[in-house]
Amino acid sequence: MKALAIVEKGRAEVVDVPDPEPGPGEVSIAISHVGLCGTDLHVFDGVFGSFPMIPGHDAAGLVTAVSGPTPPGLLGRLVTIDP
């Protein structure tokens, strides 16, 4: 899948990364919308964090896979992430 990675202070690139597999009690989400927050901007500016980093913990999308004990009815549901 494609992701935006902050690769060094002040520089980001679109990179290919493996599709994640959900662990026990987790889900995979096909992201449809993502926002960047102040934390992401601070990482981009080199204030804190380490590189490379894939920002974007403010996101929403469709649940595409579930693993282990998850609430029923999540598969195919539109959700947002609780960072």
N, C-alpha and C. Protein backbone atom coordinates (compact mmCIF):
# COMPACT_ATOMS: atom_id res chain seq x y z
N MET A 1 0.84 -1.17 0.00
CA MET A 1 0.00 0.00 0.00
C MET A 1 0.89 1.23 0.00
N LYS A 2 0.32 2.34 -0.35
CA LYS A 2 1.05 3.61 -0.35
C LYS A 2 0.86 4.31 0.99
N ALA A 3 1.91 4.98 1.44
CA ALA A 3 1.85 5.75 2.68
C ALA A 3 2.75 6.97 2.53
N LEU A 4 2.42 8.02 3.25
CA LEU A 4 3.29 9.18 3.33
C LEU A 4 4.23 8.96 4.51
N ALA A 5 5.52 9.05 4.27
CA ALA A 5 6.51 8.89 5.33
C ALA A 5 7.31 10.17 5.46
N ILE A 6 7.47 10.63 6.69
CA ILE A 6 8.40 11.73 6.95
C ILE A 6 9.76 11.05 7.08
N VAL A 7 10.63 11.29 6.12
CA VAL A 7 11.90 10.56 6.06
C VAL A 7 13.05 11.29 6.72
N GLU A 8 12.94 12.58 6.85
CA GLU A 8 13.92 13.38 7.59
C GLU A 8 13.27 14.73 7.86
N LYS A 9 13.92 15.52 8.67
CA LYS A 9 13.37 16.83 9.01
C LYS A 9 13.05 17.61 7.74
N GLY A 10 11.78 18.01 7.61
CA GLY A 10 11.35 18.83 6.49
C GLY A 10 11.17 18.12 5.17
N ARG A 11 11.21 16.76 5.15
CA ARG A 11 11.07 16.04 3.89
C ARG A 11 10.19 14.82 4.06
N ALA A 12 9.16 14.71 3.21
CA ALA A 12 8.25 13.57 3.21
C ALA A 12 8.21 12.97 1.82
N GLU A 13 7.96 11.65 1.76
CA GLU A 13 7.87 10.93 0.49
C GLU A 13 6.70 9.96 0.55
N VAL A 14 6.13 9.68 -0.61
CA VAL A 14 5.15 8.60 -0.72
C VAL A 14 5.95 7.32 -0.91
N VAL A 15 5.69 6.32 -0.03
CA VAL A 15 6.44 5.07 -0.05
C VAL A 15 5.49 3.89 -0.14
N ASP A 16 6.02 2.75 -0.57
CA ASP A 16 5.27 1.49 -0.55
C ASP A 16 5.60 0.77 0.74
N VAL A 17 4.58 0.32 1.46
CA VAL A 17 4.75 -0.45 2.69
C VAL A 17 3.83 -1.67 2.62
N PRO A 18 4.19 -2.73 3.33
CA PRO A 18 3.32 -3.92 3.32
C PRO A 18 1.96 -3.61 3.94
N ASP A 19 0.92 -4.27 3.44
CA ASP A 19 -0.39 -4.16 4.08
C ASP A 19 -0.29 -4.73 5.48
N PRO A 20 -0.78 -4.01 6.48
CA PRO A 20 -0.71 -4.52 7.85
C PRO A 20 -1.69 -5.66 8.08
N GLU A 21 -1.32 -6.58 8.95
CA GLU A 21 -2.19 -7.67 9.39
C GLU A 21 -2.64 -7.35 10.81
N PRO A 22 -3.94 -7.41 11.08
CA PRO A 22 -4.39 -7.11 12.44
C PRO A 22 -3.95 -8.19 13.42
N GLY A 23 -3.52 -7.75 14.61
CA GLY A 23 -3.19 -8.67 15.69
C GLY A 23 -4.45 -9.00 16.48
N PRO A 24 -4.32 -9.82 17.53
CA PRO A 24 -5.49 -10.20 18.33
C PRO A 24 -6.24 -8.98 18.87
N GLY A 25 -7.53 -8.95 18.63
CA GLY A 25 -8.36 -7.85 19.09
C GLY A 25 -8.24 -6.59 18.27
N GLU A 26 -7.57 -6.67 17.12
CA GLU A 26 -7.38 -5.51 16.25
C GLU A 26 -8.16 -5.67 14.95
N VAL A 27 -8.26 -4.57 14.20
CA VAL A 27 -8.89 -4.59 12.89
C VAL A 27 -7.97 -3.90 11.88
N SER A 28 -8.16 -4.20 10.61
CA SER A 28 -7.50 -3.44 9.54
C SER A 28 -8.54 -2.52 8.93
N ILE A 29 -8.11 -1.32 8.58
CA ILE A 29 -9.01 -0.31 8.04
C ILE A 29 -8.48 0.17 6.71
N ALA A 30 -9.31 0.16 5.68
CA ALA A 30 -8.98 0.78 4.40
C ALA A 30 -9.26 2.26 4.59
N ILE A 31 -8.20 3.03 4.73
CA ILE A 31 -8.33 4.45 5.06
C ILE A 31 -8.90 5.23 3.86
N SER A 32 -9.93 6.02 4.13
CA SER A 32 -10.52 6.85 3.08
C SER A 32 -10.25 8.34 3.33
N HIS A 33 -10.06 8.70 4.60
CA HIS A 33 -9.81 10.09 4.97
C HIS A 33 -8.77 10.14 6.07
N VAL A 34 -7.85 11.08 5.97
CA VAL A 34 -6.83 11.24 7.01
C VAL A 34 -6.52 12.72 7.18
N GLY A 35 -6.21 13.07 8.41
CA GLY A 35 -5.82 14.44 8.70
C GLY A 35 -4.46 14.45 9.36
N LEU A 36 -3.79 15.56 9.27
CA LEU A 36 -2.52 15.74 9.96
C LEU A 36 -2.77 16.67 11.14
N CYS A 37 -2.21 16.33 12.28
CA CYS A 37 -2.42 17.15 13.47
C CYS A 37 -1.14 17.89 13.82
N GLY A 38 -1.20 18.64 14.89
CA GLY A 38 -0.03 19.39 15.33
C GLY A 38 1.16 18.51 15.63
N THR A 39 0.93 17.33 16.18
CA THR A 39 2.03 16.40 16.46
C THR A 39 2.75 16.04 15.17
N ASP A 40 1.99 15.72 14.12
CA ASP A 40 2.60 15.38 12.83
C ASP A 40 3.45 16.53 12.31
N LEU A 41 2.95 17.74 12.45
CA LEU A 41 3.71 18.91 11.98
C LEU A 41 4.98 19.12 12.79
N HIS A 42 4.93 18.84 14.09
CA HIS A 42 6.13 18.94 14.92
C HIS A 42 7.17 17.89 14.50
N VAL A 43 6.72 16.68 14.17
CA VAL A 43 7.65 15.66 13.68
C VAL A 43 8.27 16.13 12.37
N PHE A 44 7.46 16.64 11.44
CA PHE A 44 7.96 17.13 10.16
C PHE A 44 9.00 18.22 10.36
N ASP A 45 8.77 19.09 11.36
CA ASP A 45 9.70 20.18 11.65
C ASP A 45 10.92 19.74 12.45
N GLY A 46 10.95 18.45 12.86
CA GLY A 46 12.10 17.93 13.59
C GLY A 46 12.12 18.26 15.06
N VAL A 47 10.98 18.72 15.60
CA VAL A 47 10.91 19.08 17.01
C VAL A 47 11.04 17.83 17.89
N PHE A 48 10.39 16.75 17.48
CA PHE A 48 10.54 15.48 18.18
C PHE A 48 10.15 14.35 17.24
N GLY A 49 10.40 13.12 17.68
CA GLY A 49 10.12 11.95 16.87
C GLY A 49 11.40 11.42 16.25
N SER A 50 11.26 10.30 15.56
CA SER A 50 12.40 9.70 14.86
C SER A 50 11.96 9.39 13.44
N PHE A 51 12.92 9.24 12.58
CA PHE A 51 12.65 9.04 11.16
C PHE A 51 13.11 7.66 10.71
N PRO A 52 12.45 7.06 9.74
CA PRO A 52 11.22 7.55 9.09
C PRO A 52 10.01 7.32 10.00
N MET A 53 8.98 8.12 9.78
CA MET A 53 7.73 7.99 10.52
C MET A 53 6.57 8.17 9.56
N ILE A 54 5.55 7.32 9.70
CA ILE A 54 4.33 7.45 8.92
C ILE A 54 3.30 8.13 9.81
N PRO A 55 2.98 9.40 9.53
CA PRO A 55 2.01 10.12 10.37
C PRO A 55 0.58 9.75 9.98
N GLY A 56 -0.37 10.34 10.68
CA GLY A 56 -1.76 10.19 10.28
C GLY A 56 -2.59 9.33 11.21
N HIS A 57 -2.51 9.58 12.51
CA HIS A 57 -3.33 8.81 13.44
C HIS A 57 -4.75 9.37 13.55
N ASP A 58 -5.04 10.42 12.81
CA ASP A 58 -6.39 10.97 12.74
C ASP A 58 -6.98 10.55 11.40
N ALA A 59 -7.69 9.41 11.41
CA ALA A 59 -8.14 8.83 10.14
C ALA A 59 -9.49 8.14 10.30
N ALA A 60 -10.10 7.86 9.14
CA ALA A 60 -11.37 7.13 9.09
C ALA A 60 -11.38 6.26 7.85
N GLY A 61 -12.15 5.19 7.90
CA GLY A 61 -12.25 4.31 6.74
C GLY A 61 -13.13 3.11 7.03
N LEU A 62 -13.00 2.09 6.18
CA LEU A 62 -13.83 0.89 6.20
C LEU A 62 -13.06 -0.27 6.81
N VAL A 63 -13.65 -0.96 7.79
CA VAL A 63 -13.01 -2.13 8.39
C VAL A 63 -12.99 -3.26 7.35
N THR A 64 -11.78 -3.74 7.04
CA THR A 64 -11.62 -4.77 5.99
C THR A 64 -11.22 -6.13 6.55
N ALA A 65 -10.74 -6.19 7.78
CA ALA A 65 -10.36 -7.47 8.40
C ALA A 65 -10.42 -7.31 9.91
N VAL A 66 -10.77 -8.39 10.58
CA VAL A 66 -10.80 -8.41 12.05
C VAL A 66 -10.00 -9.61 12.52
N SER A 67 -9.49 -9.53 13.74
CA SER A 67 -8.71 -10.63 14.30
C SER A 67 -9.02 -10.77 15.78
N GLY A 68 -9.32 -11.99 16.17
CA GLY A 68 -9.54 -12.27 17.58
C GLY A 68 -10.80 -11.66 18.12
N PRO A 69 -10.84 -11.44 19.41
CA PRO A 69 -12.07 -10.95 20.04
C PRO A 69 -12.30 -9.47 19.75
N THR A 70 -13.18 -9.21 18.82
CA THR A 70 -13.58 -7.83 18.50
C THR A 70 -15.10 -7.78 18.57
N PRO A 71 -15.66 -6.60 18.82
CA PRO A 71 -17.12 -6.50 18.86
C PRO A 71 -17.75 -6.99 17.55
N PRO A 72 -18.89 -7.67 17.64
CA PRO A 72 -19.54 -8.16 16.42
C PRO A 72 -19.98 -7.02 15.50
N GLY A 73 -20.04 -7.30 14.21
CA GLY A 73 -20.56 -6.34 13.25
C GLY A 73 -19.56 -5.30 12.78
N LEU A 74 -18.27 -5.47 13.10
CA LEU A 74 -17.28 -4.46 12.66
C LEU A 74 -16.90 -4.60 11.20
N LEU A 75 -16.85 -5.80 10.68
CA LEU A 75 -16.41 -6.01 9.29
C LEU A 75 -17.32 -5.25 8.34
N GLY A 76 -16.75 -4.41 7.51
CA GLY A 76 -17.52 -3.62 6.55
C GLY A 76 -18.08 -2.31 7.12
N ARG A 77 -17.80 -2.03 8.36
CA ARG A 77 -18.34 -0.83 9.00
C ARG A 77 -17.40 0.37 8.79
N LEU A 78 -17.98 1.54 8.63
CA LEU A 78 -17.21 2.78 8.57
C LEU A 78 -16.85 3.18 9.99
N VAL A 79 -15.56 3.47 10.22
CA VAL A 79 -15.10 3.78 11.57
C VAL A 79 -14.11 4.93 11.52
N THR A 80 -13.83 5.46 12.69
CA THR A 80 -12.75 6.41 12.85
C THR A 80 -11.79 5.86 13.89
N ILE A 81 -10.55 6.30 13.87
CA ILE A 81 -9.54 5.81 14.79
C ILE A 81 -9.58 6.63 16.07
N ASP A 82 -9.44 5.97 17.20
CA ASP A 82 -9.32 6.63 18.50
C ASP A 82 -7.84 6.58 18.88
N PRO A 83 -7.10 7.67 18.59
CA PRO A 83 -5.66 7.62 18.86
C PRO A 83 -5.38 7.64 20.33
